[in-house]
Amino acid sequence: GAEYDFIAHDLHPQFLSTRYAKEIAESKGLE
């Protein structure tokens, strides 16, 4: 039942996991 406040990701800007984190954040308006 998680409603996120923050998404943490690796420092590497090109990792697919980093891009995934930013996708979630952008879709939900998160930091």
PDB file of all heavy atoms in Angstrom:
ATOM      1  N   GLY A   1       0.826  -1.204   0.000  1.00  0.00           N
ATOM      2  CA  GLY A   1       0.000   0.000   0.000  1.00  0.00           C
ATOM      3  C   GLY A   1       0.860   1.253   0.000  1.00  0.00           C
ATOM      4  O   GLY A   1       0.599   2.209   0.729  1.00  0.00           O
ATOM      5  N   ALA A   2       1.907   1.249  -0.833  1.00  0.00           N
ATOM      6  CA  ALA A   2       2.884   2.341  -0.833  1.00  0.00           C
ATOM      7  C   ALA A   2       2.457   3.482  -1.744  1.00  0.00           C
ATOM      8  O   ALA A   2       2.189   3.268  -2.927  1.00  0.00           O
ATOM      9  CB  ALA A   2       4.253   1.811  -1.268  1.00  0.00           C
ATOM     10  N   GLU A   3       2.427   4.675  -1.205  1.00  0.00           N
ATOM     11  CA  GLU A   3       2.245   5.915  -1.970  1.00  0.00           C
ATOM     12  C   GLU A   3       3.510   6.727  -1.750  1.00  0.00           C
ATOM     13  O   GLU A   3       3.707   7.337  -0.701  1.00  0.00           O
ATOM     14  CB  GLU A   3       1.010   6.679  -1.486  1.00  0.00           C
ATOM     15  CG  GLU A   3      -0.310   5.949  -1.704  1.00  0.00           C
ATOM     16  CD  GLU A   3      -0.682   5.876  -3.186  1.00  0.00           C
ATOM     17  OE1 GLU A   3      -0.175   6.725  -3.958  1.00  0.00           O
ATOM     18  OE2 GLU A   3      -1.461   4.981  -3.563  1.00  0.00           O
ATOM     19  N   TYR A   4       4.386   6.774  -2.747  1.00  0.00           N
ATOM     20  CA  TYR A   4       5.744   7.271  -2.561  1.00  0.00           C
ATOM     21  C   TYR A   4       5.824   8.793  -2.399  1.00  0.00           C
ATOM     22  O   TYR A   4       5.062   9.549  -2.997  1.00  0.00           O
ATOM     23  CB  TYR A   4       6.625   6.850  -3.737  1.00  0.00           C
ATOM     24  CG  TYR A   4       6.640   5.366  -3.970  1.00  0.00           C
ATOM     25  CD1 TYR A   4       6.120   4.818  -5.137  1.00  0.00           C
ATOM     26  CD2 TYR A   4       7.146   4.498  -3.003  1.00  0.00           C
ATOM     27  CE1 TYR A   4       6.113   3.451  -5.343  1.00  0.00           C
ATOM     28  CE2 TYR A   4       7.144   3.132  -3.202  1.00  0.00           C
ATOM     29  CZ  TYR A   4       6.620   2.611  -4.376  1.00  0.00           C
ATOM     30  OH  TYR A   4       6.614   1.256  -4.566  1.00  0.00           O
ATOM     31  N   ASP A   5       6.813   9.197  -1.585  1.00  0.00           N
ATOM     32  CA  ASP A   5       7.167  10.609  -1.448  1.00  0.00           C
ATOM     33  C   ASP A   5       8.457  10.929  -2.203  1.00  0.00           C
ATOM     34  O   ASP A   5       8.614  12.028  -2.724  1.00  0.00           O
ATOM     35  CB  ASP A   5       7.341  10.966   0.035  1.00  0.00           C
ATOM     36  CG  ASP A   5       6.045  10.828   0.808  1.00  0.00           C
ATOM     37  OD1 ASP A   5       5.091  11.539   0.473  1.00  0.00           O
ATOM     38  OD2 ASP A   5       5.996   9.995   1.738  1.00  0.00           O
ATOM     39  N   PHE A   6       9.381   9.953  -2.236  1.00  0.00           N
ATOM     40  CA  PHE A   6      10.656  10.139  -2.924  1.00  0.00           C
ATOM     41  C   PHE A   6      11.017   8.861  -3.669  1.00  0.00           C
ATOM     42  O   PHE A   6      10.641   7.762  -3.255  1.00  0.00           O
ATOM     43  CB  PHE A   6      11.794  10.450  -1.947  1.00  0.00           C
ATOM     44  CG  PHE A   6      11.549  11.623  -1.056  1.00  0.00           C
ATOM     45  CD1 PHE A   6      11.311  11.449   0.296  1.00  0.00           C
ATOM     46  CD2 PHE A   6      11.558  12.914  -1.564  1.00  0.00           C
ATOM     47  CE1 PHE A   6      11.076  12.527   1.121  1.00  0.00           C
ATOM     48  CE2 PHE A   6      11.327  14.001  -0.750  1.00  0.00           C
ATOM     49  CZ  PHE A   6      11.086  13.811   0.596  1.00  0.00           C
ATOM     50  N   ILE A   7      11.781   9.019  -4.747  1.00  0.00           N
ATOM     51  CA  ILE A   7      12.337   7.879  -5.471  1.00  0.00           C
ATOM     52  C   ILE A   7      13.850   8.018  -5.444  1.00  0.00           C
ATOM     53  O   ILE A   7      14.405   9.030  -5.907  1.00  0.00           O
ATOM     54  CB  ILE A   7      11.861   7.827  -6.946  1.00  0.00           C
ATOM     55  CG1 ILE A   7      10.350   8.043  -7.052  1.00  0.00           C
ATOM     56  CG2 ILE A   7      12.282   6.502  -7.572  1.00  0.00           C
ATOM     57  CD1 ILE A   7       9.509   6.959  -6.440  1.00  0.00           C
ATOM     58  N   ALA A   8      14.541   7.025  -4.901  1.00  0.00           N
ATOM     59  CA  ALA A   8      16.003   7.038  -4.833  1.00  0.00           C
ATOM     60  C   ALA A   8      16.579   6.164  -5.945  1.00  0.00           C
ATOM     61  O   ALA A   8      16.049   5.088  -6.240  1.00  0.00           O
ATOM     62  CB  ALA A   8      16.478   6.538  -3.472  1.00  0.00           C
ATOM     63  N   HIS A   9      17.676   6.638  -6.539  1.00  0.00           N
ATOM     64  CA  HIS A   9      18.265   5.907  -7.656  1.00  0.00           C
ATOM     65  C   HIS A   9      19.771   6.110  -7.665  1.00  0.00           C
ATOM     66  O   HIS A   9      20.318   6.916  -6.900  1.00  0.00           O
ATOM     67  CB  HIS A   9      17.665   6.378  -8.986  1.00  0.00           C
ATOM     68  CG  HIS A   9      17.871   7.842  -9.254  1.00  0.00           C
ATOM     69  ND1 HIS A   9      19.041   8.368  -9.781  1.00  0.00           N
ATOM     70  CD2 HIS A   9      17.055   8.912  -9.051  1.00  0.00           C
ATOM     71  CE1 HIS A   9      18.938   9.665  -9.904  1.00  0.00           C
ATOM     72  NE2 HIS A   9      17.743  10.039  -9.462  1.00  0.00           N
ATOM     73  N   ASP A  10      20.456   5.384  -8.551  1.00  0.00           N
ATOM     74  CA  ASP A  10      21.905   5.487  -8.659  1.00  0.00           C
ATOM     75  C   ASP A  10      22.300   6.837  -9.244  1.00  0.00           C
ATOM     76  O   ASP A  10      21.535   7.471  -9.982  1.00  0.00           O
ATOM     77  CB  ASP A  10      22.443   4.359  -9.545  1.00  0.00           C
ATOM     78  CG  ASP A  10      23.947   4.194  -9.422  1.00  0.00           C
ATOM     79  OD1 ASP A  10      24.384   3.428  -8.550  1.00  0.00           O
ATOM     80  OD2 ASP A  10      24.678   4.844 -10.193  1.00  0.00           O
ATOM     81  N   LEU A  11      23.516   7.254  -8.925  1.00  0.00           N
ATOM     82  CA  LEU A  11      24.037   8.525  -9.416  1.00  0.00           C
ATOM     83  C   LEU A  11      24.243   8.518 -10.931  1.00  0.00           C
ATOM     84  O   LEU A  11      24.210   9.571 -11.572  1.00  0.00           O
ATOM     85  CB  LEU A  11      25.364   8.827  -8.707  1.00  0.00           C
ATOM     86  CG  LEU A  11      26.047  10.160  -8.983  1.00  0.00           C
ATOM     87  CD1 LEU A  11      25.169  11.325  -8.525  1.00  0.00           C
ATOM     88  CD2 LEU A  11      27.404  10.215  -8.265  1.00  0.00           C
ATOM     89  N   HIS A  12      24.462   7.331 -11.525  1.00  0.00           N
ATOM     90  CA  HIS A  12      24.745   7.255 -12.959  1.00  0.00           C
ATOM     91  C   HIS A  12      23.527   7.712 -13.762  1.00  0.00           C
ATOM     92  O   HIS A  12      22.444   7.126 -13.654  1.00  0.00           O
ATOM     93  CB  HIS A  12      25.114   5.829 -13.359  1.00  0.00           C
ATOM     94  CG  HIS A  12      25.848   5.742 -14.664  1.00  0.00           C
ATOM     95  ND1 HIS A  12      25.329   6.200 -15.845  1.00  0.00           N
ATOM     96  CD2 HIS A  12      27.081   5.250 -14.965  1.00  0.00           C
ATOM     97  CE1 HIS A  12      26.176   5.992 -16.827  1.00  0.00           C
ATOM     98  NE2 HIS A  12      27.259   5.417 -16.315  1.00  0.00           N
ATOM     99  N   PRO A  13      23.684   8.741 -14.590  1.00  0.00           N
ATOM    100  CA  PRO A  13      22.517   9.291 -15.285  1.00  0.00           C
ATOM    101  C   PRO A  13      21.977   8.409 -16.405  1.00  0.00           C
ATOM    102  O   PRO A  13      20.818   8.566 -16.806  1.00  0.00           O
ATOM    103  CB  PRO A  13      23.048  10.619 -15.855  1.00  0.00           C
ATOM    104  CG  PRO A  13      24.522  10.409 -16.004  1.00  0.00           C
ATOM    105  CD  PRO A  13      24.920   9.503 -14.880  1.00  0.00           C
ATOM    106  N   GLN A  14      22.803   7.473 -16.907  1.00  0.00           N
ATOM    107  CA  GLN A  14      22.389   6.673 -18.054  1.00  0.00           C
ATOM    108  C   GLN A  14      21.851   5.290 -17.693  1.00  0.00           C
ATOM    109  O   GLN A  14      21.416   4.555 -18.576  1.00  0.00           O
ATOM    110  CB  GLN A  14      23.570   6.509 -19.026  1.00  0.00           C
ATOM    111  CG  GLN A  14      24.080   7.823 -19.595  1.00  0.00           C
ATOM    112  CD  GLN A  14      22.984   8.607 -20.305  1.00  0.00           C
ATOM    113  OE1 GLN A  14      22.172   8.056 -21.039  1.00  0.00           O
ATOM    114  NE2 GLN A  14      22.962   9.912 -20.064  1.00  0.00           N
ATOM    115  N   PHE A  15      21.897   4.917 -16.427  1.00  0.00           N
ATOM    116  CA  PHE A  15      21.351   3.617 -16.043  1.00  0.00           C
ATOM    117  C   PHE A  15      19.857   3.560 -16.376  1.00  0.00           C
ATOM    118  O   PHE A  15      19.131   4.548 -16.180  1.00  0.00           O
ATOM    119  CB  PHE A  15      21.527   3.372 -14.546  1.00  0.00           C
ATOM    120  CG  PHE A  15      22.882   2.853 -14.147  1.00  0.00           C
ATOM    121  CD1 PHE A  15      23.887   2.648 -15.075  1.00  0.00           C
ATOM    122  CD2 PHE A  15      23.154   2.549 -12.815  1.00  0.00           C
ATOM    123  CE1 PHE A  15      25.129   2.170 -14.704  1.00  0.00           C
ATOM    124  CE2 PHE A  15      24.389   2.070 -12.426  1.00  0.00           C
ATOM    125  CZ  PHE A  15      25.375   1.884 -13.371  1.00  0.00           C
ATOM    126  N   LEU A  16      19.409   2.406 -16.851  1.00  0.00           N
ATOM    127  CA  LEU A  16      17.976   2.252 -17.119  1.00  0.00           C
ATOM    128  C   LEU A  16      17.168   2.338 -15.833  1.00  0.00           C
ATOM    129  O   LEU A  16      16.026   2.801 -15.843  1.00  0.00           O
ATOM    130  CB  LEU A  16      17.720   0.916 -17.828  1.00  0.00           C
ATOM    131  CG  LEU A  16      18.268   0.788 -19.255  1.00  0.00           C
ATOM    132  CD1 LEU A  16      17.865  -0.552 -19.857  1.00  0.00           C
ATOM    133  CD2 LEU A  16      17.790   1.927 -20.140  1.00  0.00           C
ATOM    134  N   SER A  17      17.778   1.915 -14.722  1.00  0.00           N
ATOM    135  CA  SER A  17      17.069   2.031 -13.443  1.00  0.00           C
ATOM    136  C   SER A  17      16.903   3.498 -13.054  1.00  0.00           C
ATOM    137  O   SER A  17      15.885   3.888 -12.463  1.00  0.00           O
ATOM    138  CB  SER A  17      17.826   1.271 -12.343  1.00  0.00           C
ATOM    139  OG  SER A  17      19.153   1.744 -12.217  1.00  0.00           O
ATOM    140  N   THR A  18      17.896   4.338 -13.391  1.00  0.00           N
ATOM    141  CA  THR A  18      17.785   5.776 -13.132  1.00  0.00           C
ATOM    142  C   THR A  18      16.664   6.376 -13.971  1.00  0.00           C
ATOM    143  O   THR A  18      15.855   7.174 -13.482  1.00  0.00           O
ATOM    144  CB  THR A  18      19.116   6.484 -13.456  1.00  0.00           C
ATOM    145  OG1 THR A  18      20.143   5.952 -12.623  1.00  0.00           O
ATOM    146  CG2 THR A  18      19.018   7.983 -13.232  1.00  0.00           C
ATOM    147  N   ARG A  19      16.612   6.003 -15.234  1.00  0.00           N
ATOM    148  CA  ARG A  19      15.546   6.498 -16.112  1.00  0.00           C
ATOM    149  C   ARG A  19      14.174   6.043 -15.610  1.00  0.00           C
ATOM    150  O   ARG A  19      13.205   6.810 -15.650  1.00  0.00           O
ATOM    151  CB  ARG A  19      15.782   6.002 -17.541  1.00  0.00           C
ATOM    152  CG  ARG A  19      17.067   6.531 -18.170  1.00  0.00           C
ATOM    153  CD  ARG A  19      17.220   6.025 -19.590  1.00  0.00           C
ATOM    154  NE  ARG A  19      18.539   6.334 -20.135  1.00  0.00           N
ATOM    155  CZ  ARG A  19      18.930   5.998 -21.363  1.00  0.00           C
ATOM    156  NH1 ARG A  19      18.101   5.332 -22.160  1.00  0.00           N
ATOM    157  NH2 ARG A  19      20.140   6.310 -21.785  1.00  0.00           N
ATOM    158  N   TYR A  20      14.120   4.798 -15.153  1.00  0.00           N
ATOM    159  CA  TYR A  20      12.859   4.277 -14.608  1.00  0.00           C
ATOM    160  C   TYR A  20      12.424   5.089 -13.393  1.00  0.00           C
ATOM    161  O   TYR A  20      11.246   5.454 -13.262  1.00  0.00           O
ATOM    162  CB  TYR A  20      13.039   2.800 -14.251  1.00  0.00           C
ATOM    163  CG  TYR A  20      11.925   2.191 -13.443  1.00  0.00           C
ATOM    164  CD1 TYR A  20      10.595   2.312 -13.838  1.00  0.00           C
ATOM    165  CD2 TYR A  20      12.201   1.472 -12.275  1.00  0.00           C
ATOM    166  CE1 TYR A  20       9.566   1.739 -13.095  1.00  0.00           C
ATOM    167  CE2 TYR A  20      11.176   0.902 -11.532  1.00  0.00           C
ATOM    168  CZ  TYR A  20       9.874   1.046 -11.943  1.00  0.00           C
ATOM    169  OH  TYR A  20       8.856   0.490 -11.206  1.00  0.00           O
ATOM    170  N   ALA A  21      13.373   5.401 -12.503  1.00  0.00           N
ATOM    171  CA  ALA A  21      13.060   6.205 -11.316  1.00  0.00           C
ATOM    172  C   ALA A  21      12.499   7.564 -11.717  1.00  0.00           C
ATOM    173  O   ALA A  21      11.521   8.058 -11.128  1.00  0.00           O
ATOM    174  CB  ALA A  21      14.311   6.378 -10.457  1.00  0.00           C
ATOM    175  N   LYS A  22      13.103   8.165 -12.725  1.00  0.00           N
ATOM    176  CA  LYS A  22      12.649   9.490 -13.154  1.00  0.00           C
ATOM    177  C   LYS A  22      11.281   9.424 -13.835  1.00  0.00           C
ATOM    178  O   LYS A  22      10.474  10.353 -13.733  1.00  0.00           O
ATOM    179  CB  LYS A  22      13.697  10.122 -14.062  1.00  0.00           C
ATOM    180  CG  LYS A  22      14.974  10.477 -13.284  1.00  0.00           C
ATOM    181  CD  LYS A  22      16.008  11.196 -14.123  1.00  0.00           C
ATOM    182  CE  LYS A  22      17.193  11.609 -13.257  1.00  0.00           C
ATOM    183  NZ  LYS A  22      18.244  12.312 -14.012  1.00  0.00           N
ATOM    184  N   GLU A  23      11.015   8.320 -14.524  1.00  0.00           N
ATOM    185  CA  GLU A  23       9.686   8.133 -15.130  1.00  0.00           C
ATOM    186  C   GLU A  23       8.606   8.109 -14.055  1.00  0.00           C
ATOM    187  O   GLU A  23       7.562   8.758 -14.183  1.00  0.00           O
ATOM    188  CB  GLU A  23       9.648   6.816 -15.912  1.00  0.00           C
ATOM    189  CG  GLU A  23      10.360   6.845 -17.245  1.00  0.00           C
ATOM    190  CD  GLU A  23      10.363   5.472 -17.888  1.00  0.00           C
ATOM    191  OE1 GLU A  23       9.528   4.616 -17.495  1.00  0.00           O
ATOM    192  OE2 GLU A  23      11.185   5.229 -18.783  1.00  0.00           O
ATOM    193  N   ILE A  24       8.853   7.330 -12.993  1.00  0.00           N
ATOM    194  CA  ILE A  24       7.881   7.250 -11.899  1.00  0.00           C
ATOM    195  C   ILE A  24       7.694   8.630 -11.276  1.00  0.00           C
ATOM    196  O   ILE A  24       6.566   9.074 -11.044  1.00  0.00           O
ATOM    197  CB  ILE A  24       8.346   6.255 -10.813  1.00  0.00           C
ATOM    198  CG1 ILE A  24       8.509   4.854 -11.380  1.00  0.00           C
ATOM    199  CG2 ILE A  24       7.350   6.237  -9.653  1.00  0.00           C
ATOM    200  CD1 ILE A  24       9.093   3.870 -10.387  1.00  0.00           C
ATOM    201  N   ALA A  25       8.824   9.293 -11.009  1.00  0.00           N
ATOM    202  CA  ALA A  25       8.762  10.603 -10.358  1.00  0.00           C
ATOM    203  C   ALA A  25       7.994  11.617 -11.201  1.00  0.00           C
ATOM    204  O   ALA A  25       7.153  12.371 -10.692  1.00  0.00           O
ATOM    205  CB  ALA A  25      10.177  11.108 -10.083  1.00  0.00           C
ATOM    206  N   GLU A  26       8.269  11.642 -12.511  1.00  0.00           N
ATOM    207  CA  GLU A  26       7.583  12.590 -13.393  1.00  0.00           C
ATOM    208  C   GLU A  26       6.096  12.297 -13.484  1.00  0.00           C
ATOM    209  O   GLU A  26       5.262  13.203 -13.502  1.00  0.00           O
ATOM    210  CB  GLU A  26       8.226  12.553 -14.784  1.00  0.00           C
ATOM    211  CG  GLU A  26       9.608  13.192 -14.825  1.00  0.00           C
ATOM    212  CD  GLU A  26      10.314  12.975 -16.150  1.00  0.00           C
ATOM    213  OE1 GLU A  26       9.650  12.474 -17.091  1.00  0.00           O
ATOM    214  OE2 GLU A  26      11.519  13.294 -16.240  1.00  0.00           O
ATOM    215  N   SER A  27       5.746  11.009 -13.523  1.00  0.00           N
ATOM    216  CA  SER A  27       4.331  10.648 -13.647  1.00  0.00           C
ATOM    217  C   SER A  27       3.537  10.978 -12.389  1.00  0.00           C
ATOM    218  O   SER A  27       2.328  11.214 -12.452  1.00  0.00           O
ATOM    219  CB  SER A  27       4.197   9.158 -13.967  1.00  0.00           C
ATOM    220  OG  SER A  27       4.615   8.362 -12.861  1.00  0.00           O
ATOM    221  N   LYS A  28       4.215  11.022 -11.230  1.00  0.00           N
ATOM    222  CA  LYS A  28       3.525  11.267  -9.965  1.00  0.00           C
ATOM    223  C   LYS A  28       3.881  12.615  -9.349  1.00  0.00           C
ATOM    224  O   LYS A  28       3.418  12.936  -8.248  1.00  0.00           O
ATOM    225  CB  LYS A  28       3.848  10.141  -8.972  1.00  0.00           C
ATOM    226  CG  LYS A  28       3.389   8.765  -9.420  1.00  0.00           C
ATOM    227  CD  LYS A  28       3.727   7.704  -8.388  1.00  0.00           C
ATOM    228  CE  LYS A  28       3.279   6.321  -8.846  1.00  0.00           C
ATOM    229  NZ  LYS A  28       1.814   6.219  -8.915  1.00  0.00           N
ATOM    230  N   GLY A  29       4.732  13.390 -10.049  1.00  0.00           N
ATOM    231  CA  GLY A  29       5.126  14.691  -9.526  1.00  0.00           C
ATOM    232  C   GLY A  29       5.959  14.600  -8.268  1.00  0.00           C
ATOM    233  O   GLY A  29       5.801  15.397  -7.337  1.00  0.00           O
ATOM    234  N   LEU A  30       6.906  13.632  -8.236  1.00  0.00           N
ATOM    235  CA  LEU A  30       7.714  13.392  -7.043  1.00  0.00           C
ATOM    236  C   LEU A  30       9.150  13.857  -7.240  1.00  0.00           C
ATOM    237  O   LEU A  30       9.607  14.078  -8.366  1.00  0.00           O
ATOM    238  CB  LEU A  30       7.705  11.895  -6.696  1.00  0.00           C
ATOM    239  CG  LEU A  30       6.346  11.249  -6.474  1.00  0.00           C
ATOM    240  CD1 LEU A  30       6.509   9.760  -6.240  1.00  0.00           C
ATOM    241  CD2 LEU A  30       5.616  11.900  -5.304  1.00  0.00           C
ATOM    242  N   GLU A  31       9.862  13.964  -6.140  1.00  0.00           N
ATOM    243  CA  GLU A  31      11.260  14.334  -6.159  1.00  0.00           C
ATOM    244  C   GLU A  31      12.113  13.065  -6.202  1.00  0.00           C
ATOM    245  O   GLU A  31      11.770  12.049  -5.587  1.00  0.00           O
ATOM    246  CB  GLU A  31      11.596  15.146  -4.907  1.00  0.00           C
ATOM    247  CG  GLU A  31      12.968  15.776  -4.918  1.00  0.00           C
ATOM    248  CD  GLU A  31      13.188  16.700  -3.732  1.00  0.00           C
ATOM    249  OE1 GLU A  31      12.210  17.023  -3.040  1.00  0.00           O
ATOM    250  OE2 GLU A  31      14.347  17.094  -3.498  1.00  0.00           O
TER     251      GLU A  31
END
